[in-house]
Amino acid sequence: TPDIVRAAFGLSVVVTSNPCGDCPLVVPD
């Protein structure tokens, strides 16, 4: 999730659905 990724890695991200599967796609903001 954006909150967990930001807290652990210090990076703001956008999380969306991967168009190729039932899993999240993490993209740096």
mmCIF file of all heavy atoms, coordinates in Angstrom:
data_MODEL
# 
_entry.id   MODEL 
# 
loop_
_atom_site.group_PDB 
_atom_site.id 
_atom_site.type_symbol 
_atom_site.label_atom_id 
_atom_site.label_alt_id 
_atom_site.label_comp_id 
_atom_site.label_asym_id 
_atom_site.label_entity_id 
_atom_site.label_seq_id 
_atom_site.pdbx_PDB_ins_code 
_atom_site.Cartn_x 
_atom_site.Cartn_y 
_atom_site.Cartn_z 
_atom_site.occupancy 
_atom_site.B_iso_or_equiv 
_atom_site.pdbx_formal_charge 
_atom_site.auth_seq_id 
_atom_site.auth_comp_id 
_atom_site.auth_asym_id 
_atom_site.auth_atom_id 
_atom_site.pdbx_PDB_model_num 
ATOM 1   N N   . THR A 1 1  ? 0.856  -1.183  0.000   1.00 0.00 ? 1  THR A N   1 
ATOM 2   C CA  . THR A 1 1  ? 0.000  0.000   0.000   1.00 0.00 ? 1  THR A CA  1 
ATOM 3   C C   . THR A 1 1  ? 0.898  1.241   0.000   1.00 0.00 ? 1  THR A C   1 
ATOM 4   O O   . THR A 1 1  ? 2.070  1.186   0.412   1.00 0.00 ? 1  THR A O   1 
ATOM 5   C CB  . THR A 1 1  ? -0.897 0.024   1.244   1.00 0.00 ? 1  THR A CB  1 
ATOM 6   O OG1 . THR A 1 1  ? -0.076 0.231   2.411   1.00 0.00 ? 1  THR A OG1 1 
ATOM 7   C CG2 . THR A 1 1  ? -1.676 -1.277  1.394   1.00 0.00 ? 1  THR A CG2 1 
ATOM 8   N N   . PRO A 1 2  ? 0.382  2.390   -0.429  1.00 0.00 ? 2  PRO A N   1 
ATOM 9   C CA  . PRO A 1 2  ? 1.198  3.607   -0.420  1.00 0.00 ? 2  PRO A CA  1 
ATOM 10  C C   . PRO A 1 2  ? 1.768  3.941   0.950   1.00 0.00 ? 2  PRO A C   1 
ATOM 11  O O   . PRO A 1 2  ? 2.936  4.347   1.061   1.00 0.00 ? 2  PRO A O   1 
ATOM 12  C CB  . PRO A 1 2  ? 0.217  4.687   -0.905  1.00 0.00 ? 2  PRO A CB  1 
ATOM 13  C CG  . PRO A 1 2  ? -0.745 3.939   -1.781  1.00 0.00 ? 2  PRO A CG  1 
ATOM 14  C CD  . PRO A 1 2  ? -0.929 2.612   -1.093  1.00 0.00 ? 2  PRO A CD  1 
ATOM 15  N N   . ASP A 1 3  ? 0.983  3.775   2.010   1.00 0.00 ? 3  ASP A N   1 
ATOM 16  C CA  . ASP A 1 3  ? 1.453  4.120   3.352   1.00 0.00 ? 3  ASP A CA  1 
ATOM 17  C C   . ASP A 1 3  ? 2.606  3.219   3.785   1.00 0.00 ? 3  ASP A C   1 
ATOM 18  O O   . ASP A 1 3  ? 3.606  3.693   4.345   1.00 0.00 ? 3  ASP A O   1 
ATOM 19  C CB  . ASP A 1 3  ? 0.308  4.013   4.365   1.00 0.00 ? 3  ASP A CB  1 
ATOM 20  C CG  . ASP A 1 3  ? -0.685 5.161   4.240   1.00 0.00 ? 3  ASP A CG  1 
ATOM 21  O OD1 . ASP A 1 3  ? -0.352 6.167   3.578   1.00 0.00 ? 3  ASP A OD1 1 
ATOM 22  O OD2 . ASP A 1 3  ? -1.796 5.039   4.789   1.00 0.00 ? 3  ASP A OD2 1 
ATOM 23  N N   . ILE A 1 4  ? 2.463  1.916   3.552   1.00 0.00 ? 4  ILE A N   1 
ATOM 24  C CA  . ILE A 1 4  ? 3.507  0.984   3.979   1.00 0.00 ? 4  ILE A CA  1 
ATOM 25  C C   . ILE A 1 4  ? 4.777  1.178   3.163   1.00 0.00 ? 4  ILE A C   1 
ATOM 26  O O   . ILE A 1 4  ? 5.891  1.198   3.708   1.00 0.00 ? 4  ILE A O   1 
ATOM 27  C CB  . ILE A 1 4  ? 3.000  -0.473  3.883   1.00 0.00 ? 4  ILE A CB  1 
ATOM 28  C CG1 . ILE A 1 4  ? 1.921  -0.723  4.933   1.00 0.00 ? 4  ILE A CG1 1 
ATOM 29  C CG2 . ILE A 1 4  ? 4.153  -1.458  4.058   1.00 0.00 ? 4  ILE A CG2 1 
ATOM 30  C CD1 . ILE A 1 4  ? 1.255  -2.082  4.850   1.00 0.00 ? 4  ILE A CD1 1 
ATOM 31  N N   . VAL A 1 5  ? 4.648  1.339   1.854   1.00 0.00 ? 5  VAL A N   1 
ATOM 32  C CA  . VAL A 1 5  ? 5.829  1.535   1.012   1.00 0.00 ? 5  VAL A CA  1 
ATOM 33  C C   . VAL A 1 5  ? 6.533  2.836   1.392   1.00 0.00 ? 5  VAL A C   1 
ATOM 34  O O   . VAL A 1 5  ? 7.767  2.884   1.491   1.00 0.00 ? 5  VAL A O   1 
ATOM 35  C CB  . VAL A 1 5  ? 5.441  1.531   -0.477  1.00 0.00 ? 5  VAL A CB  1 
ATOM 36  C CG1 . VAL A 1 5  ? 6.645  1.905   -1.340  1.00 0.00 ? 5  VAL A CG1 1 
ATOM 37  C CG2 . VAL A 1 5  ? 4.913  0.164   -0.883  1.00 0.00 ? 5  VAL A CG2 1 
ATOM 38  N N   . ARG A 1 6  ? 5.780  3.888   1.617   1.00 0.00 ? 6  ARG A N   1 
ATOM 39  C CA  . ARG A 1 6  ? 6.393  5.170   1.991   1.00 0.00 ? 6  ARG A CA  1 
ATOM 40  C C   . ARG A 1 6  ? 7.105  5.067   3.336   1.00 0.00 ? 6  ARG A C   1 
ATOM 41  O O   . ARG A 1 6  ? 8.212  5.592   3.519   1.00 0.00 ? 6  ARG A O   1 
ATOM 42  C CB  . ARG A 1 6  ? 5.333  6.270   2.042   1.00 0.00 ? 6  ARG A CB  1 
ATOM 43  C CG  . ARG A 1 6  ? 5.931  7.665   2.322   1.00 0.00 ? 6  ARG A CG  1 
ATOM 44  C CD  . ARG A 1 6  ? 4.888  8.769   2.201   1.00 0.00 ? 6  ARG A CD  1 
ATOM 45  N NE  . ARG A 1 6  ? 3.787  8.589   3.136   1.00 0.00 ? 6  ARG A NE  1 
ATOM 46  C CZ  . ARG A 1 6  ? 2.554  8.231   2.778   1.00 0.00 ? 6  ARG A CZ  1 
ATOM 47  N NH1 . ARG A 1 6  ? 2.276  7.999   1.501   1.00 0.00 ? 6  ARG A NH1 1 
ATOM 48  N NH2 . ARG A 1 6  ? 1.606  8.084   3.687   1.00 0.00 ? 6  ARG A NH2 1 
ATOM 49  N N   . ALA A 1 7  ? 6.475  4.376   4.303   1.00 0.00 ? 7  ALA A N   1 
ATOM 50  C CA  . ALA A 1 7  ? 7.082  4.249   5.628   1.00 0.00 ? 7  ALA A CA  1 
ATOM 51  C C   . ALA A 1 7  ? 8.345  3.406   5.590   1.00 0.00 ? 7  ALA A C   1 
ATOM 52  O O   . ALA A 1 7  ? 9.331  3.722   6.252   1.00 0.00 ? 7  ALA A O   1 
ATOM 53  C CB  . ALA A 1 7  ? 6.075  3.646   6.597   1.00 0.00 ? 7  ALA A CB  1 
ATOM 54  N N   . ALA A 1 8  ? 8.340  2.314   4.817   1.00 0.00 ? 8  ALA A N   1 
ATOM 55  C CA  . ALA A 1 8  ? 9.476  1.393   4.805   1.00 0.00 ? 8  ALA A CA  1 
ATOM 56  C C   . ALA A 1 8  ? 10.603 1.864   3.900   1.00 0.00 ? 8  ALA A C   1 
ATOM 57  O O   . ALA A 1 8  ? 11.787 1.704   4.225   1.00 0.00 ? 8  ALA A O   1 
ATOM 58  C CB  . ALA A 1 8  ? 9.005  0.002   4.367   1.00 0.00 ? 8  ALA A CB  1 
ATOM 59  N N   . PHE A 1 9  ? 10.257 2.453   2.744   1.00 0.00 ? 9  PHE A N   1 
ATOM 60  C CA  . PHE A 1 9  ? 11.263 2.790   1.746   1.00 0.00 ? 9  PHE A CA  1 
ATOM 61  C C   . PHE A 1 9  ? 11.491 4.292   1.589   1.00 0.00 ? 9  PHE A C   1 
ATOM 62  O O   . PHE A 1 9  ? 12.403 4.701   0.868   1.00 0.00 ? 9  PHE A O   1 
ATOM 63  C CB  . PHE A 1 9  ? 10.868 2.211   0.380   1.00 0.00 ? 9  PHE A CB  1 
ATOM 64  C CG  . PHE A 1 9  ? 10.857 0.712   0.332   1.00 0.00 ? 9  PHE A CG  1 
ATOM 65  C CD1 . PHE A 1 9  ? 9.702  0.000   0.609   1.00 0.00 ? 9  PHE A CD1 1 
ATOM 66  C CD2 . PHE A 1 9  ? 12.010 0.003   0.008   1.00 0.00 ? 9  PHE A CD2 1 
ATOM 67  C CE1 . PHE A 1 9  ? 9.680  -1.385  0.558   1.00 0.00 ? 9  PHE A CE1 1 
ATOM 68  C CE2 . PHE A 1 9  ? 12.005 -1.376  -0.043  1.00 0.00 ? 9  PHE A CE2 1 
ATOM 69  C CZ  . PHE A 1 9  ? 10.842 -2.079  0.239   1.00 0.00 ? 9  PHE A CZ  1 
ATOM 70  N N   . GLY A 1 10 ? 10.648 5.118   2.213   1.00 0.00 ? 10 GLY A N   1 
ATOM 71  C CA  . GLY A 1 10 ? 10.803 6.546   2.069   1.00 0.00 ? 10 GLY A CA  1 
ATOM 72  C C   . GLY A 1 10 ? 10.488 7.036   0.675   1.00 0.00 ? 10 GLY A C   1 
ATOM 73  O O   . GLY A 1 10 ? 11.088 8.001   0.195   1.00 0.00 ? 10 GLY A O   1 
ATOM 74  N N   . LEU A 1 11 ? 9.562  6.372   -0.003  1.00 0.00 ? 11 LEU A N   1 
ATOM 75  C CA  . LEU A 1 11 ? 9.228  6.719   -1.377  1.00 0.00 ? 11 LEU A CA  1 
ATOM 76  C C   . LEU A 1 11 ? 7.710  6.779   -1.540  1.00 0.00 ? 11 LEU A C   1 
ATOM 77  O O   . LEU A 1 11 ? 6.996  5.853   -1.140  1.00 0.00 ? 11 LEU A O   1 
ATOM 78  C CB  . LEU A 1 11 ? 9.794  5.666   -2.339  1.00 0.00 ? 11 LEU A CB  1 
ATOM 79  C CG  . LEU A 1 11 ? 9.518  5.883   -3.831  1.00 0.00 ? 11 LEU A CG  1 
ATOM 80  C CD1 . LEU A 1 11 ? 10.258 7.117   -4.337  1.00 0.00 ? 11 LEU A CD1 1 
ATOM 81  C CD2 . LEU A 1 11 ? 9.919  4.644   -4.635  1.00 0.00 ? 11 LEU A CD2 1 
ATOM 82  N N   . SER A 1 12 ? 7.239  7.869   -2.120  1.00 0.00 ? 12 SER A N   1 
ATOM 83  C CA  . SER A 1 12 ? 5.805  7.985   -2.409  1.00 0.00 ? 12 SER A CA  1 
ATOM 84  C C   . SER A 1 12 ? 5.478  7.209   -3.677  1.00 0.00 ? 12 SER A C   1 
ATOM 85  O O   . SER A 1 12 ? 6.188  7.335   -4.685  1.00 0.00 ? 12 SER A O   1 
ATOM 86  C CB  . SER A 1 12 ? 5.412  9.456   -2.580  1.00 0.00 ? 12 SER A CB  1 
ATOM 87  O OG  . SER A 1 12 ? 5.530  10.148  -1.359  1.00 0.00 ? 12 SER A OG  1 
ATOM 88  N N   . VAL A 1 13 ? 4.444  6.400   -3.618  1.00 0.00 ? 13 VAL A N   1 
ATOM 89  C CA  . VAL A 1 13 ? 4.080  5.569   -4.760  1.00 0.00 ? 13 VAL A CA  1 
ATOM 90  C C   . VAL A 1 13 ? 2.576  5.645   -4.999  1.00 0.00 ? 13 VAL A C   1 
ATOM 91  O O   . VAL A 1 13 ? 1.803  6.048   -4.128  1.00 0.00 ? 13 VAL A O   1 
ATOM 92  C CB  . VAL A 1 13 ? 4.482  4.090   -4.545  1.00 0.00 ? 13 VAL A CB  1 
ATOM 93  C CG1 . VAL A 1 13 ? 5.984  3.947   -4.389  1.00 0.00 ? 13 VAL A CG1 1 
ATOM 94  C CG2 . VAL A 1 13 ? 3.739  3.488   -3.352  1.00 0.00 ? 13 VAL A CG2 1 
ATOM 95  N N   . VAL A 1 14 ? 2.212  5.248   -6.194  1.00 0.00 ? 14 VAL A N   1 
ATOM 96  C CA  . VAL A 1 14 ? 0.822  5.037   -6.547  1.00 0.00 ? 14 VAL A CA  1 
ATOM 97  C C   . VAL A 1 14 ? 0.640  3.541   -6.737  1.00 0.00 ? 14 VAL A C   1 
ATOM 98  O O   . VAL A 1 14 ? 1.453  2.895   -7.408  1.00 0.00 ? 14 VAL A O   1 
ATOM 99  C CB  . VAL A 1 14 ? 0.450  5.786   -7.842  1.00 0.00 ? 14 VAL A CB  1 
ATOM 100 C CG1 . VAL A 1 14 ? -0.975 5.457   -8.263  1.00 0.00 ? 14 VAL A CG1 1 
ATOM 101 C CG2 . VAL A 1 14 ? 0.628  7.283   -7.652  1.00 0.00 ? 14 VAL A CG2 1 
ATOM 102 N N   . VAL A 1 15 ? -0.374 2.972   -6.135  1.00 0.00 ? 15 VAL A N   1 
ATOM 103 C CA  . VAL A 1 15 ? -0.644 1.540   -6.254  1.00 0.00 ? 15 VAL A CA  1 
ATOM 104 C C   . VAL A 1 15 ? -1.946 1.362   -7.014  1.00 0.00 ? 15 VAL A C   1 
ATOM 105 O O   . VAL A 1 15 ? -2.984 1.899   -6.624  1.00 0.00 ? 15 VAL A O   1 
ATOM 106 C CB  . VAL A 1 15 ? -0.717 0.852   -4.883  1.00 0.00 ? 15 VAL A CB  1 
ATOM 107 C CG1 . VAL A 1 15 ? -1.016 -0.639  -5.044  1.00 0.00 ? 15 VAL A CG1 1 
ATOM 108 C CG2 . VAL A 1 15 ? 0.589  1.045   -4.112  1.00 0.00 ? 15 VAL A CG2 1 
ATOM 109 N N   . THR A 1 16 ? -1.860 0.606   -8.085  1.00 0.00 ? 16 THR A N   1 
ATOM 110 C CA  . THR A 1 16 ? -3.031 0.340   -8.896  1.00 0.00 ? 16 THR A CA  1 
ATOM 111 C C   . THR A 1 16 ? -3.093 -1.137  -9.216  1.00 0.00 ? 16 THR A C   1 
ATOM 112 O O   . THR A 1 16 ? -2.214 -1.907  -8.812  1.00 0.00 ? 16 THR A O   1 
ATOM 113 C CB  . THR A 1 16 ? -2.980 1.175   -10.203 1.00 0.00 ? 16 THR A CB  1 
ATOM 114 O OG1 . THR A 1 16 ? -4.200 1.018   -10.925 1.00 0.00 ? 16 THR A OG1 1 
ATOM 115 C CG2 . THR A 1 16 ? -1.808 0.753   -11.075 1.00 0.00 ? 16 THR A CG2 1 
ATOM 116 N N   . SER A 1 17 ? -4.108 -1.561  -9.919  1.00 0.00 ? 17 SER A N   1 
ATOM 117 C CA  . SER A 1 17 ? -4.252 -2.963  -10.272 1.00 0.00 ? 17 SER A CA  1 
ATOM 118 C C   . SER A 1 17 ? -3.398 -3.284  -11.487 1.00 0.00 ? 17 SER A C   1 
ATOM 119 O O   . SER A 1 17 ? -3.408 -2.547  -12.480 1.00 0.00 ? 17 SER A O   1 
ATOM 120 C CB  . SER A 1 17 ? -5.726 -3.282  -10.558 1.00 0.00 ? 17 SER A CB  1 
ATOM 121 O OG  . SER A 1 17 ? -5.881 -4.636  -10.927 1.00 0.00 ? 17 SER A OG  1 
ATOM 122 N N   . ASN A 1 18 ? -2.647 -4.367  -11.414 1.00 0.00 ? 18 ASN A N   1 
ATOM 123 C CA  . ASN A 1 18 ? -1.851 -4.811  -12.556 1.00 0.00 ? 18 ASN A CA  1 
ATOM 124 C C   . ASN A 1 18 ? -2.797 -5.286  -13.652 1.00 0.00 ? 18 ASN A C   1 
ATOM 125 O O   . ASN A 1 18 ? -3.628 -6.170  -13.413 1.00 0.00 ? 18 ASN A O   1 
ATOM 126 C CB  . ASN A 1 18 ? -0.916 -5.945  -12.129 1.00 0.00 ? 18 ASN A CB  1 
ATOM 127 C CG  . ASN A 1 18 ? 0.111  -6.276  -13.189 1.00 0.00 ? 18 ASN A CG  1 
ATOM 128 O OD1 . ASN A 1 18 ? -0.198 -6.322  -14.372 1.00 0.00 ? 18 ASN A OD1 1 
ATOM 129 N ND2 . ASN A 1 18 ? 1.344  -6.516  -12.759 1.00 0.00 ? 18 ASN A ND2 1 
ATOM 130 N N   . PRO A 1 19 ? -2.706 -4.720  -14.852 1.00 0.00 ? 19 PRO A N   1 
ATOM 131 C CA  . PRO A 1 19 ? -3.644 -5.113  -15.916 1.00 0.00 ? 19 PRO A CA  1 
ATOM 132 C C   . PRO A 1 19 ? -3.465 -6.547  -16.385 1.00 0.00 ? 19 PRO A C   1 
ATOM 133 O O   . PRO A 1 19 ? -4.329 -7.081  -17.080 1.00 0.00 ? 19 PRO A O   1 
ATOM 134 C CB  . PRO A 1 19 ? -3.325 -4.125  -17.045 1.00 0.00 ? 19 PRO A CB  1 
ATOM 135 C CG  . PRO A 1 19 ? -1.919 -3.702  -16.804 1.00 0.00 ? 19 PRO A CG  1 
ATOM 136 C CD  . PRO A 1 19 ? -1.758 -3.692  -15.314 1.00 0.00 ? 19 PRO A CD  1 
ATOM 137 N N   . CYS A 1 20 ? -2.348 -7.177  -15.987 1.00 0.00 ? 20 CYS A N   1 
ATOM 138 C CA  . CYS A 1 20 ? -2.071 -8.545  -16.450 1.00 0.00 ? 20 CYS A CA  1 
ATOM 139 C C   . CYS A 1 20 ? -2.313 -9.602  -15.391 1.00 0.00 ? 20 CYS A C   1 
ATOM 140 O O   . CYS A 1 20 ? -2.024 -10.788 -15.610 1.00 0.00 ? 20 CYS A O   1 
ATOM 141 C CB  . CYS A 1 20 ? -0.626 -8.640  -16.951 1.00 0.00 ? 20 CYS A CB  1 
ATOM 142 S SG  . CYS A 1 20 ? -0.272 -7.572  -18.350 1.00 0.00 ? 20 CYS A SG  1 
ATOM 143 N N   . GLY A 1 21 ? -2.810 -9.221  -14.229 1.00 0.00 ? 21 GLY A N   1 
ATOM 144 C CA  . GLY A 1 21 ? -3.028 -10.215 -13.184 1.00 0.00 ? 21 GLY A CA  1 
ATOM 145 C C   . GLY A 1 21 ? -3.681 -9.601  -11.972 1.00 0.00 ? 21 GLY A C   1 
ATOM 146 O O   . GLY A 1 21 ? -3.750 -8.366  -11.819 1.00 0.00 ? 21 GLY A O   1 
ATOM 147 N N   . ASP A 1 22 ? -4.161 -10.449 -11.074 1.00 0.00 ? 22 ASP A N   1 
ATOM 148 C CA  . ASP A 1 22 ? -4.825 -9.996  -9.852  1.00 0.00 ? 22 ASP A CA  1 
ATOM 149 C C   . ASP A 1 22 ? -3.786 -9.701  -8.784  1.00 0.00 ? 22 ASP A C   1 
ATOM 150 O O   . ASP A 1 22 ? -3.636 -10.426 -7.801  1.00 0.00 ? 22 ASP A O   1 
ATOM 151 C CB  . ASP A 1 22 ? -5.822 -11.045 -9.365  1.00 0.00 ? 22 ASP A CB  1 
ATOM 152 C CG  . ASP A 1 22 ? -6.598 -10.567 -8.140  1.00 0.00 ? 22 ASP A CG  1 
ATOM 153 O OD1 . ASP A 1 22 ? -6.629 -9.340  -7.906  1.00 0.00 ? 22 ASP A OD1 1 
ATOM 154 O OD2 . ASP A 1 22 ? -7.146 -11.421 -7.423  1.00 0.00 ? 22 ASP A OD2 1 
ATOM 155 N N   . CYS A 1 23 ? -3.017 -8.642  -8.988  1.00 0.00 ? 23 CYS A N   1 
ATOM 156 C CA  . CYS A 1 23 ? -1.997 -8.249  -8.031  1.00 0.00 ? 23 CYS A CA  1 
ATOM 157 C C   . CYS A 1 23 ? -1.757 -6.746  -8.178  1.00 0.00 ? 23 CYS A C   1 
ATOM 158 O O   . CYS A 1 23 ? -2.047 -6.160  -9.222  1.00 0.00 ? 23 CYS A O   1 
ATOM 159 C CB  . CYS A 1 23 ? -0.702 -9.030  -8.250  1.00 0.00 ? 23 CYS A CB  1 
ATOM 160 S SG  . CYS A 1 23 ? 0.012  -8.844  -9.897  1.00 0.00 ? 23 CYS A SG  1 
ATOM 161 N N   . PRO A 1 24 ? -1.237 -6.120  -7.132  1.00 0.00 ? 24 PRO A N   1 
ATOM 162 C CA  . PRO A 1 24 ? -1.009 -4.673  -7.203  1.00 0.00 ? 24 PRO A CA  1 
ATOM 163 C C   . PRO A 1 24 ? 0.184  -4.319  -8.084  1.00 0.00 ? 24 PRO A C   1 
ATOM 164 O O   . PRO A 1 24 ? 1.145  -5.082  -8.193  1.00 0.00 ? 24 PRO A O   1 
ATOM 165 C CB  . PRO A 1 24 ? -0.754 -4.287  -5.744  1.00 0.00 ? 24 PRO A CB  1 
ATOM 166 C CG  . PRO A 1 24 ? -0.286 -5.540  -5.086  1.00 0.00 ? 24 PRO A CG  1 
ATOM 167 C CD  . PRO A 1 24 ? -0.968 -6.665  -5.793  1.00 0.00 ? 24 PRO A CD  1 
ATOM 168 N N   . LEU A 1 25 ? 0.125  -3.168  -8.696  1.00 0.00 ? 25 LEU A N   1 
ATOM 169 C CA  . LEU A 1 25 ? 1.218  -2.603  -9.475  1.00 0.00 ? 25 LEU A CA  1 
ATOM 170 C C   . LEU A 1 25 ? 1.675  -1.337  -8.772  1.00 0.00 ? 25 LEU A C   1 
ATOM 171 O O   . LEU A 1 25 ? 0.873  -0.420  -8.549  1.00 0.00 ? 25 LEU A O   1 
ATOM 172 C CB  . LEU A 1 25 ? 0.764  -2.293  -10.904 1.00 0.00 ? 25 LEU A CB  1 
ATOM 173 C CG  . LEU A 1 25 ? 1.799  -1.680  -11.847 1.00 0.00 ? 25 LEU A CG  1 
ATOM 174 C CD1 . LEU A 1 25 ? 2.902  -2.694  -12.138 1.00 0.00 ? 25 LEU A CD1 1 
ATOM 175 C CD2 . LEU A 1 25 ? 1.140  -1.221  -13.138 1.00 0.00 ? 25 LEU A CD2 1 
ATOM 176 N N   . VAL A 1 26 ? 2.940  -1.284  -8.396  1.00 0.00 ? 26 VAL A N   1 
ATOM 177 C CA  . VAL A 1 26 ? 3.488  -0.175  -7.617  1.00 0.00 ? 26 VAL A CA  1 
ATOM 178 C C   . VAL A 1 26 ? 4.299  0.730   -8.549  1.00 0.00 ? 26 VAL A C   1 
ATOM 179 O O   . VAL A 1 26 ? 5.247  0.275   -9.191  1.00 0.00 ? 26 VAL A O   1 
ATOM 180 C CB  . VAL A 1 26 ? 4.373  -0.691  -6.468  1.00 0.00 ? 26 VAL A CB  1 
ATOM 181 C CG1 . VAL A 1 26 ? 4.897  0.483   -5.633  1.00 0.00 ? 26 VAL A CG1 1 
ATOM 182 C CG2 . VAL A 1 26 ? 3.595  -1.666  -5.586  1.00 0.00 ? 26 VAL A CG2 1 
ATOM 183 N N   . VAL A 1 27 ? 3.918  1.995   -8.587  1.00 0.00 ? 27 VAL A N   1 
ATOM 184 C CA  . VAL A 1 27 ? 4.570  2.960   -9.471  1.00 0.00 ? 27 VAL A CA  1 
ATOM 185 C C   . VAL A 1 27 ? 5.046  4.151   -8.647  1.00 0.00 ? 27 VAL A C   1 
ATOM 186 O O   . VAL A 1 27 ? 4.256  4.733   -7.890  1.00 0.00 ? 27 VAL A O   1 
ATOM 187 C CB  . VAL A 1 27 ? 3.597  3.457   -10.567 1.00 0.00 ? 27 VAL A CB  1 
ATOM 188 C CG1 . VAL A 1 27 ? 4.294  4.418   -11.516 1.00 0.00 ? 27 VAL A CG1 1 
ATOM 189 C CG2 . VAL A 1 27 ? 3.007  2.271   -11.323 1.00 0.00 ? 27 VAL A CG2 1 
ATOM 190 N N   . PRO A 1 28 ? 6.325  4.538   -8.747  1.00 0.00 ? 28 PRO A N   1 
ATOM 191 C CA  . PRO A 1 28 ? 6.789  5.727   -8.024  1.00 0.00 ? 28 PRO A CA  1 
ATOM 192 C C   . PRO A 1 28 ? 5.991  6.962   -8.440  1.00 0.00 ? 28 PRO A C   1 
ATOM 193 O O   . PRO A 1 28 ? 5.698  7.162   -9.619  1.00 0.00 ? 28 PRO A O   1 
ATOM 194 C CB  . PRO A 1 28 ? 8.258  5.853   -8.453  1.00 0.00 ? 28 PRO A CB  1 
ATOM 195 C CG  . PRO A 1 28 ? 8.652  4.472   -8.862  1.00 0.00 ? 28 PRO A CG  1 
ATOM 196 C CD  . PRO A 1 28 ? 7.421  3.866   -9.474  1.00 0.00 ? 28 PRO A CD  1 
ATOM 197 N N   . ASP A 1 29 ? 5.630  7.776   -7.459  1.00 0.00 ? 29 ASP A N   1 
ATOM 198 C CA  . ASP A 1 29 ? 4.877  8.995   -7.715  1.00 0.00 ? 29 ASP A CA  1 
ATOM 199 C C   . ASP A 1 29 ? 5.863  10.100  -8.091  1.00 0.00 ? 29 ASP A C   1 
ATOM 200 O O   . ASP A 1 29 ? 6.506  10.702  -7.226  1.00 0.00 ? 29 ASP A O   1 
ATOM 201 C CB  . ASP A 1 29 ? 4.071  9.383   -6.474  1.00 0.00 ? 29 ASP A CB  1 
ATOM 202 C CG  . ASP A 1 29 ? 3.132  10.548  -6.729  1.00 0.00 ? 29 ASP A CG  1 
ATOM 203 O OD1 . ASP A 1 29 ? 3.236  11.161  -7.813  1.00 0.00 ? 29 ASP A OD1 1 
ATOM 204 O OD2 . ASP A 1 29 ? 2.307  10.844  -5.845  1.00 0.00 ? 29 ASP A OD2 1 
# 
